[in-house]
Amino acid sequence: MTALDPRTVLGAYSIGVFPMADARDAAEIYWVEPKRRAVLPLDGFHLSRSLRKTVAGDRFRVTADAAFDRVIALCGEAVPGRPDTWINRDIEIAFRRLHRMGYAHSIECWDGERLAGGLYGLALGGAFFGESMVSRAADASKVALAWLVARLRVGGYRLLDCQFQTDHLASLGAVEIDRADYVALLNAALGGATGGSGETGRFDALDRGARAGASVSVPVPVSGQDIVQLLVQTS
């Protein structure tokens, strides 16, 4: 059993706090509440010409929640230039449990049968908290993020939290805001999850045809061209 209880994790995220560890094998977890927070406005994703071509051309086969355990394990792997990670065993186990509970989700990019990259995060109310992205092929994480943004827009989400700003995230449209502004956005996005008037996002809406305003109960195919159209219409 992990010492990191999933309900504790959900409570922490609902007030803008998240867990980290110093290393993969670290025994301790600490809680973080940055003074400056990175968010990616869902109508402000930067779809460059080259990324647009990659997404539209279906360079990768993209899935959602098809291999959550593999994605988080890949995010936690040491690689040249990044010998360690903040995702320790307790965090990984807790998020696997949250995935089984329906809160944690992943986007996977496949090159044939090989997992080429992806991302994972936590969905709560109308907020999605991006945890980590990974690439084992050029542009795989960018493609995963593009699909995530389109999915969140279709699903009615209001906030994409990226935690810490990086040059990579900034190039894709992320902005850095003060903690007070972040808390205001968070509270608005969590209205439906905390008894308010807000709505809870639907992570599977894209798969269910909601992008066309239809009410269908069976999965529908989605292509890279569909994703580009969604992003272009709302950028």
C-alpha atoms as a PDB file:
ATOM      1  CA  MET A   1       0.000   0.000   0.000  1.00  0.00           C
ATOM      2  CA  THR A   2       1.218   3.474  -0.820  1.00  0.00           C
ATOM      3  CA  ALA A   3       1.421   6.101   1.877  1.00  0.00           C
ATOM      4  CA  LEU A   4       0.011   8.624  -0.589  1.00  0.00           C
ATOM      5  CA  ASP A   5      -3.762   8.272  -0.379  1.00  0.00           C
ATOM      6  CA  PRO A   6      -5.638   9.164  -3.591  1.00  0.00           C
ATOM      7  CA  ARG A   7      -8.246  11.150  -1.672  1.00  0.00           C
ATOM      8  CA  THR A   8      -5.498  13.220  -0.092  1.00  0.00           C
ATOM      9  CA  VAL A   9      -4.133  13.909  -3.573  1.00  0.00           C
ATOM     10  CA  LEU A  10      -7.551  15.046  -4.821  1.00  0.00           C
ATOM     11  CA  GLY A  11      -7.992  17.332  -1.838  1.00  0.00           C
ATOM     12  CA  ALA A  12      -4.572  18.859  -2.389  1.00  0.00           C
ATOM     13  CA  TYR A  13      -5.185  19.576  -6.075  1.00  0.00           C
ATOM     14  CA  SER A  14      -8.526  21.184  -5.248  1.00  0.00           C
ATOM     15  CA  ILE A  15      -6.664  23.902  -3.315  1.00  0.00           C
ATOM     16  CA  GLY A  16      -3.762  24.292  -5.755  1.00  0.00           C
ATOM     17  CA  VAL A  17      -1.193  22.010  -4.111  1.00  0.00           C
ATOM     18  CA  PHE A  18       0.522  18.988  -5.683  1.00  0.00           C
ATOM     19  CA  PRO A  19       3.047  16.317  -4.587  1.00  0.00           C
ATOM     20  CA  MET A  20       6.640  15.905  -5.755  1.00  0.00           C
ATOM     21  CA  ALA A  21       9.681  13.886  -4.731  1.00  0.00           C
ATOM     22  CA  ASP A  22      13.390  14.627  -4.987  1.00  0.00           C
ATOM     23  CA  ALA A  23      14.192  11.431  -6.880  1.00  0.00           C
ATOM     24  CA  ARG A  24      12.709   8.245  -8.275  1.00  0.00           C
ATOM     25  CA  ASP A  25      13.761   6.257  -5.215  1.00  0.00           C
ATOM     26  CA  ALA A  26      13.068   9.016  -2.662  1.00  0.00           C
ATOM     27  CA  ALA A  27      11.131   7.836   0.362  1.00  0.00           C
ATOM     28  CA  GLU A  28       9.640  11.246   1.124  1.00  0.00           C
ATOM     29  CA  ILE A  29       7.050  13.327  -0.691  1.00  0.00           C
ATOM     30  CA  TYR A  30       6.663  17.089  -0.309  1.00  0.00           C
ATOM     31  CA  TRP A  31       3.790  19.347  -1.266  1.00  0.00           C
ATOM     32  CA  VAL A  32       4.251  22.264  -3.642  1.00  0.00           C
ATOM     33  CA  GLU A  33       2.279  25.493  -4.120  1.00  0.00           C
ATOM     34  CA  PRO A  34       4.195  27.697  -6.576  1.00  0.00           C
ATOM     35  CA  LYS A  35       4.040  31.477  -6.223  1.00  0.00           C
ATOM     36  CA  ARG A  36       3.889  31.647 -10.022  1.00  0.00           C
ATOM     37  CA  ARG A  37       1.865  29.083 -11.948  1.00  0.00           C
ATOM     38  CA  ALA A  38       1.940  28.056 -15.597  1.00  0.00           C
ATOM     39  CA  VAL A  39      -1.398  27.594 -17.321  1.00  0.00           C
ATOM     40  CA  LEU A  40      -2.198  26.990 -20.963  1.00  0.00           C
ATOM     41  CA  PRO A  41      -5.331  28.876 -22.065  1.00  0.00           C
ATOM     42  CA  LEU A  42      -7.424  26.367 -23.968  1.00  0.00           C
ATOM     43  CA  ASP A  43      -8.131  28.934 -26.684  1.00  0.00           C
ATOM     44  CA  GLY A  44      -4.484  29.953 -26.879  1.00  0.00           C
ATOM     45  CA  PHE A  45      -2.640  26.810 -27.938  1.00  0.00           C
ATOM     46  CA  HIS A  46       0.120  27.709 -30.407  1.00  0.00           C
ATOM     47  CA  LEU A  47      -0.173  25.353 -33.366  1.00  0.00           C
ATOM     48  CA  SER A  48       2.926  26.049 -35.442  1.00  0.00           C
ATOM     49  CA  ARG A  49       2.996  25.259 -39.139  1.00  0.00           C
ATOM     50  CA  SER A  50       5.283  22.274 -38.628  1.00  0.00           C
ATOM     51  CA  LEU A  51       3.242  20.885 -35.725  1.00  0.00           C
ATOM     52  CA  ARG A  52       0.047  21.383 -37.674  1.00  0.00           C
ATOM     53  CA  LYS A  53       1.503  19.308 -40.503  1.00  0.00           C
ATOM     54  CA  THR A  54       2.600  16.575 -38.099  1.00  0.00           C
ATOM     55  CA  VAL A  55      -0.795  16.388 -36.381  1.00  0.00           C
ATOM     56  CA  ALA A  56      -2.827  16.551 -39.592  1.00  0.00           C
ATOM     57  CA  GLY A  57      -0.658  13.913 -41.226  1.00  0.00           C
ATOM     58  CA  ASP A  58      -1.281  11.437 -38.397  1.00  0.00           C
ATOM     59  CA  ARG A  59       2.452  10.919 -37.877  1.00  0.00           C
ATOM     60  CA  PHE A  60       1.478   9.089 -34.691  1.00  0.00           C
ATOM     61  CA  ARG A  61      -1.545   7.024 -33.801  1.00  0.00           C
ATOM     62  CA  VAL A  62      -2.991   8.821 -30.780  1.00  0.00           C
ATOM     63  CA  THR A  63      -5.069   7.191 -28.066  1.00  0.00           C
ATOM     64  CA  ALA A  64      -6.460   8.186 -24.680  1.00  0.00           C
ATOM     65  CA  ASP A  65      -6.304   6.034 -21.546  1.00  0.00           C
ATOM     66  CA  ALA A  66      -5.081   3.063 -23.555  1.00  0.00           C
ATOM     67  CA  ALA A  67      -1.797   2.610 -21.666  1.00  0.00           C
ATOM     68  CA  PHE A  68      -1.834   4.813 -18.575  1.00  0.00           C
ATOM     69  CA  ASP A  69       0.562   2.637 -16.564  1.00  0.00           C
ATOM     70  CA  ARG A  70       3.053   2.575 -19.420  1.00  0.00           C
ATOM     71  CA  VAL A  71       2.912   6.352 -19.889  1.00  0.00           C
ATOM     72  CA  ILE A  72       3.553   7.202 -16.244  1.00  0.00           C
ATOM     73  CA  ALA A  73       6.335   4.617 -16.098  1.00  0.00           C
ATOM     74  CA  LEU A  74       7.910   6.164 -19.202  1.00  0.00           C
ATOM     75  CA  CYS A  75       7.642   9.636 -17.666  1.00  0.00           C
ATOM     76  CA  GLY A  76       9.490   8.344 -14.614  1.00  0.00           C
ATOM     77  CA  GLU A  77      12.388   6.796 -16.523  1.00  0.00           C
ATOM     78  CA  ALA A  78      15.867   8.287 -16.365  1.00  0.00           C
ATOM     79  CA  VAL A  79      17.243   9.404 -19.729  1.00  0.00           C
ATOM     80  CA  PRO A  80      20.456  11.121 -20.867  1.00  0.00           C
ATOM     81  CA  GLY A  81      20.275  14.748 -19.804  1.00  0.00           C
ATOM     82  CA  ARG A  82      17.643  13.952 -17.180  1.00  0.00           C
ATOM     83  CA  PRO A  83      19.124  11.327 -14.878  1.00  0.00           C
ATOM     84  CA  ASP A  84      16.365  11.556 -12.300  1.00  0.00           C
ATOM     85  CA  THR A  85      12.710  12.392 -11.915  1.00  0.00           C
ATOM     86  CA  TRP A  86      10.287  13.794  -9.357  1.00  0.00           C
ATOM     87  CA  ILE A  87       7.904  10.866  -9.901  1.00  0.00           C
ATOM     88  CA  ASN A  88       8.752   8.437  -7.109  1.00  0.00           C
ATOM     89  CA  ARG A  89       7.116   5.064  -6.543  1.00  0.00           C
ATOM     90  CA  ASP A  90       4.442   6.372  -4.174  1.00  0.00           C
ATOM     91  CA  ILE A  91       3.345   9.064  -6.631  1.00  0.00           C
ATOM     92  CA  GLU A  92       3.226   6.540  -9.462  1.00  0.00           C
ATOM     93  CA  ILE A  93       1.165   4.072  -7.429  1.00  0.00           C
ATOM     94  CA  ALA A  94      -1.228   6.776  -6.246  1.00  0.00           C
ATOM     95  CA  PHE A  95      -1.818   8.004  -9.801  1.00  0.00           C
ATOM     96  CA  ARG A  96      -2.386   4.479 -11.047  1.00  0.00           C
ATOM     97  CA  ARG A  97      -5.099   4.164  -8.427  1.00  0.00           C
ATOM     98  CA  LEU A  98      -6.520   7.545  -9.422  1.00  0.00           C
ATOM     99  CA  HIS A  99      -6.643   6.326 -13.011  1.00  0.00           C
ATOM    100  CA  ARG A 100      -8.654   3.294 -11.961  1.00  0.00           C
ATOM    101  CA  MET A 101     -10.948   5.644 -10.030  1.00  0.00           C
ATOM    102  CA  GLY A 102     -11.522   7.699 -13.205  1.00  0.00           C
ATOM    103  CA  TYR A 103      -9.584  10.820 -12.208  1.00  0.00           C
ATOM    104  CA  ALA A 104      -6.183  10.376 -13.858  1.00  0.00           C
ATOM    105  CA  HIS A 105      -5.876  10.165 -17.637  1.00  0.00           C
ATOM    106  CA  SER A 106      -3.240   9.694 -20.305  1.00  0.00           C
ATOM    107  CA  ILE A 107      -2.683  10.503 -23.955  1.00  0.00           C
ATOM    108  CA  GLU A 108      -0.489   8.070 -25.878  1.00  0.00           C
ATOM    109  CA  CYS A 109       1.383   8.541 -29.164  1.00  0.00           C
ATOM    110  CA  TRP A 110       2.236   5.332 -30.979  1.00  0.00           C
ATOM    111  CA  ASP A 111       4.742   4.704 -33.749  1.00  0.00           C
ATOM    112  CA  GLY A 112       3.484   1.369 -34.970  1.00  0.00           C
ATOM    113  CA  GLU A 113       3.338  -0.759 -31.819  1.00  0.00           C
ATOM    114  CA  ARG A 114       5.955   1.323 -29.997  1.00  0.00           C
ATOM    115  CA  LEU A 115       4.915   3.864 -27.393  1.00  0.00           C
ATOM    116  CA  ALA A 116       6.673   6.946 -28.744  1.00  0.00           C
ATOM    117  CA  GLY A 117       5.521   9.417 -26.123  1.00  0.00           C
ATOM    118  CA  GLY A 118       2.559  10.944 -24.361  1.00  0.00           C
ATOM    119  CA  LEU A 119       1.437  12.668 -21.210  1.00  0.00           C
ATOM    120  CA  TYR A 120      -0.656  12.110 -18.134  1.00  0.00           C
ATOM    121  CA  GLY A 121      -2.552  14.257 -15.672  1.00  0.00           C
ATOM    122  CA  LEU A 122      -5.437  14.588 -13.267  1.00  0.00           C
ATOM    123  CA  ALA A 123      -8.967  15.713 -14.105  1.00  0.00           C
ATOM    124  CA  LEU A 124     -11.107  17.278 -11.405  1.00  0.00           C
ATOM    125  CA  GLY A 125     -14.270  19.219 -12.141  1.00  0.00           C
ATOM    126  CA  GLY A 126     -13.536  21.524 -15.058  1.00  0.00           C
ATOM    127  CA  ALA A 127      -9.783  21.513 -14.460  1.00  0.00           C
ATOM    128  CA  PHE A 128      -7.062  19.300 -15.900  1.00  0.00           C
ATOM    129  CA  PHE A 129      -3.718  19.253 -14.111  1.00  0.00           C
ATOM    130  CA  GLY A 130      -0.962  18.241 -16.513  1.00  0.00           C
ATOM    131  CA  GLU A 131       1.653  16.228 -14.666  1.00  0.00           C
ATOM    132  CA  SER A 132       4.329  15.131 -17.108  1.00  0.00           C
ATOM    133  CA  MET A 133       5.027  14.751 -20.824  1.00  0.00           C
ATOM    134  CA  VAL A 134       7.472  12.388 -22.454  1.00  0.00           C
ATOM    135  CA  SER A 135       8.931  11.870 -25.939  1.00  0.00           C
ATOM    136  CA  ARG A 136      10.821   8.946 -27.355  1.00  0.00           C
ATOM    137  CA  ALA A 137      10.381  10.300 -30.892  1.00  0.00           C
ATOM    138  CA  ALA A 138      10.521  13.834 -32.256  1.00  0.00           C
ATOM    139  CA  ASP A 139       7.402  15.906 -31.493  1.00  0.00           C
ATOM    140  CA  ALA A 140       5.544  13.082 -29.739  1.00  0.00           C
ATOM    141  CA  SER A 141       4.849  15.104 -26.599  1.00  0.00           C
ATOM    142  CA  LYS A 142       3.794  18.148 -28.651  1.00  0.00           C
ATOM    143  CA  VAL A 143       1.317  16.018 -30.572  1.00  0.00           C
ATOM    144  CA  ALA A 144      -0.001  14.565 -27.324  1.00  0.00           C
ATOM    145  CA  LEU A 145      -0.517  18.065 -25.926  1.00  0.00           C
ATOM    146  CA  ALA A 146      -2.307  19.212 -29.075  1.00  0.00           C
ATOM    147  CA  TRP A 147      -4.710  16.292 -28.788  1.00  0.00           C
ATOM    148  CA  LEU A 148      -5.168  16.977 -25.080  1.00  0.00           C
ATOM    149  CA  VAL A 149      -6.065  20.630 -25.650  1.00  0.00           C
ATOM    150  CA  ALA A 150      -8.623  19.687 -28.308  1.00  0.00           C
ATOM    151  CA  ARG A 151     -10.052  16.994 -26.024  1.00  0.00           C
ATOM    152  CA  LEU A 152     -10.364  19.375 -23.083  1.00  0.00           C
ATOM    153  CA  ARG A 153     -12.089  22.029 -25.192  1.00  0.00           C
ATOM    154  CA  VAL A 154     -14.618  19.531 -26.497  1.00  0.00           C
ATOM    155  CA  GLY A 155     -15.116  18.144 -23.005  1.00  0.00           C
ATOM    156  CA  GLY A 156     -15.997  21.512 -21.507  1.00  0.00           C
ATOM    157  CA  TYR A 157     -12.912  22.017 -19.352  1.00  0.00           C
ATOM    158  CA  ARG A 158     -11.973  25.530 -18.259  1.00  0.00           C
ATOM    159  CA  LEU A 159      -8.426  25.217 -16.970  1.00  0.00           C
ATOM    160  CA  LEU A 160      -5.264  23.420 -18.094  1.00  0.00           C
ATOM    161  CA  ASP A 161      -2.707  23.690 -15.301  1.00  0.00           C
ATOM    162  CA  CYS A 162       0.912  23.155 -16.381  1.00  0.00           C
ATOM    163  CA  GLN A 163       2.421  23.776 -12.911  1.00  0.00           C
ATOM    164  CA  PHE A 164       5.846  25.251 -13.796  1.00  0.00           C
ATOM    165  CA  GLN A 165       6.622  27.391 -16.830  1.00  0.00           C
ATOM    166  CA  THR A 166       9.305  26.202 -19.257  1.00  0.00           C
ATOM    167  CA  ASP A 167      10.514  27.510 -22.610  1.00  0.00           C
ATOM    168  CA  HIS A 168       8.974  24.433 -24.223  1.00  0.00           C
ATOM    169  CA  LEU A 169       5.535  25.107 -22.717  1.00  0.00           C
ATOM    170  CA  ALA A 170       5.783  28.830 -23.478  1.00  0.00           C
ATOM    171  CA  SER A 171       6.388  28.020 -27.154  1.00  0.00           C
ATOM    172  CA  LEU A 172       3.088  26.119 -27.139  1.00  0.00           C
ATOM    173  CA  GLY A 173       1.104  28.958 -25.591  1.00  0.00           C
ATOM    174  CA  ALA A 174       1.487  28.526 -21.827  1.00  0.00           C
ATOM    175  CA  VAL A 175       1.575  31.671 -19.717  1.00  0.00           C
ATOM    176  CA  GLU A 176       2.687  32.290 -16.145  1.00  0.00           C
ATOM    177  CA  ILE A 177       0.321  33.902 -13.652  1.00  0.00           C
ATOM    178  CA  ASP A 178       0.384  34.885  -9.982  1.00  0.00           C
ATOM    179  CA  ARG A 179      -0.898  32.454  -7.374  1.00  0.00           C
ATOM    180  CA  ALA A 180      -3.927  34.609  -6.546  1.00  0.00           C
ATOM    181  CA  ASP A 181      -4.998  34.691 -10.207  1.00  0.00           C
ATOM    182  CA  TYR A 182      -4.443  30.950 -10.459  1.00  0.00           C
ATOM    183  CA  VAL A 183      -6.595  30.267  -7.389  1.00  0.00           C
ATOM    184  CA  ALA A 184      -9.415  32.335  -8.911  1.00  0.00           C
ATOM    185  CA  LEU A 185      -9.244  30.307 -12.130  1.00  0.00           C
ATOM    186  CA  LEU A 186      -9.057  27.072 -10.169  1.00  0.00           C
ATOM    187  CA  ASN A 187     -12.080  27.878  -8.021  1.00  0.00           C
ATOM    188  CA  ALA A 188     -14.102  28.778 -11.104  1.00  0.00           C
ATOM    189  CA  ALA A 189     -13.097  25.537 -12.848  1.00  0.00           C
ATOM    190  CA  LEU A 190     -13.879  23.403  -9.806  1.00  0.00           C
ATOM    191  CA  GLY A 191     -17.351  24.786  -9.223  1.00  0.00           C
ATOM    192  CA  GLY A 192     -19.011  21.585 -10.399  1.00  0.00           C
ATOM    193  CA  ALA A 193     -16.715  19.401  -8.343  1.00  0.00           C
ATOM    194  CA  THR A 194     -17.222  21.301  -5.105  1.00  0.00           C
ATOM    195  CA  GLY A 195     -20.945  21.807  -5.036  1.00  0.00           C
ATOM    196  CA  GLY A 196     -21.046  25.075  -6.982  1.00  0.00           C
ATOM    197  CA  SER A 197     -22.656  25.933 -10.293  1.00  0.00           C
ATOM    198  CA  GLY A 198     -19.726  24.960 -12.486  1.00  0.00           C
ATOM    199  CA  GLU A 199     -19.777  21.945 -14.775  1.00  0.00           C
ATOM    200  CA  THR A 200     -17.600  18.875 -14.627  1.00  0.00           C
ATOM    201  CA  GLY A 201     -15.547  18.246 -17.760  1.00  0.00           C
ATOM    202  CA  ARG A 202     -16.025  15.079 -19.798  1.00  0.00           C
ATOM    203  CA  PHE A 203     -12.694  13.596 -20.781  1.00  0.00           C
ATOM    204  CA  ASP A 204     -14.317  11.139 -23.209  1.00  0.00           C
ATOM    205  CA  ALA A 205     -16.502  13.687 -25.026  1.00  0.00           C
ATOM    206  CA  LEU A 206     -14.219  13.776 -28.067  1.00  0.00           C
ATOM    207  CA  ASP A 207     -14.585  10.024 -28.512  1.00  0.00           C
ATOM    208  CA  ARG A 208     -18.347  10.234 -28.217  1.00  0.00           C
ATOM    209  CA  GLY A 209     -18.958  12.659 -31.051  1.00  0.00           C
ATOM    210  CA  ALA A 210     -19.624  15.721 -28.902  1.00  0.00           C
ATOM    211  CA  ARG A 211     -17.394  17.816 -31.165  1.00  0.00           C
ATOM    212  CA  ALA A 212     -20.228  17.935 -33.666  1.00  0.00           C
ATOM    213  CA  GLY A 213     -22.848  18.667 -31.016  1.00  0.00           C
ATOM    214  CA  ALA A 214     -24.285  15.194 -31.482  1.00  0.00           C
ATOM    215  CA  SER A 215     -25.647  13.005 -28.722  1.00  0.00           C
ATOM    216  CA  VAL A 216     -24.152   9.604 -29.438  1.00  0.00           C
ATOM    217  CA  SER A 217     -23.231   6.776 -27.119  1.00  0.00           C
ATOM    218  CA  VAL A 218     -20.733   4.900 -29.227  1.00  0.00           C
ATOM    219  CA  PRO A 219     -17.111   5.812 -30.001  1.00  0.00           C
ATOM    220  CA  VAL A 220     -16.449   7.681 -33.230  1.00  0.00           C
ATOM    221  CA  PRO A 221     -13.137   7.875 -35.089  1.00  0.00           C
ATOM    222  CA  VAL A 222     -11.069  11.015 -34.686  1.00  0.00           C
ATOM    223  CA  SER A 223      -8.258  11.983 -37.056  1.00  0.00           C
ATOM    224  CA  GLY A 224      -5.418  14.435 -36.872  1.00  0.00           C
ATOM    225  CA  GLN A 225      -7.318  16.623 -39.335  1.00  0.00           C
ATOM    226  CA  ASP A 226     -10.195  16.772 -36.845  1.00  0.00           C
ATOM    227  CA  ILE A 227      -7.794  17.919 -34.138  1.00  0.00           C
ATOM    228  CA  VAL A 228      -6.290  20.613 -36.360  1.00  0.00           C
ATOM    229  CA  GLN A 229      -9.756  21.924 -37.234  1.00  0.00           C
ATOM    230  CA  LEU A 230     -10.678  22.114 -33.558  1.00  0.00           C
ATOM    231  CA  LEU A 231      -7.485  23.944 -32.676  1.00  0.00           C
ATOM    232  CA  VAL A 232      -7.656  26.344 -35.621  1.00  0.00           C
ATOM    233  CA  GLN A 233     -11.306  27.173 -34.896  1.00  0.00           C
ATOM    234  CA  THR A 234     -10.523  28.024 -31.274  1.00  0.00           C
ATOM    235  CA  SER A 235      -6.999  29.542 -31.453  1.00  0.00           C
END
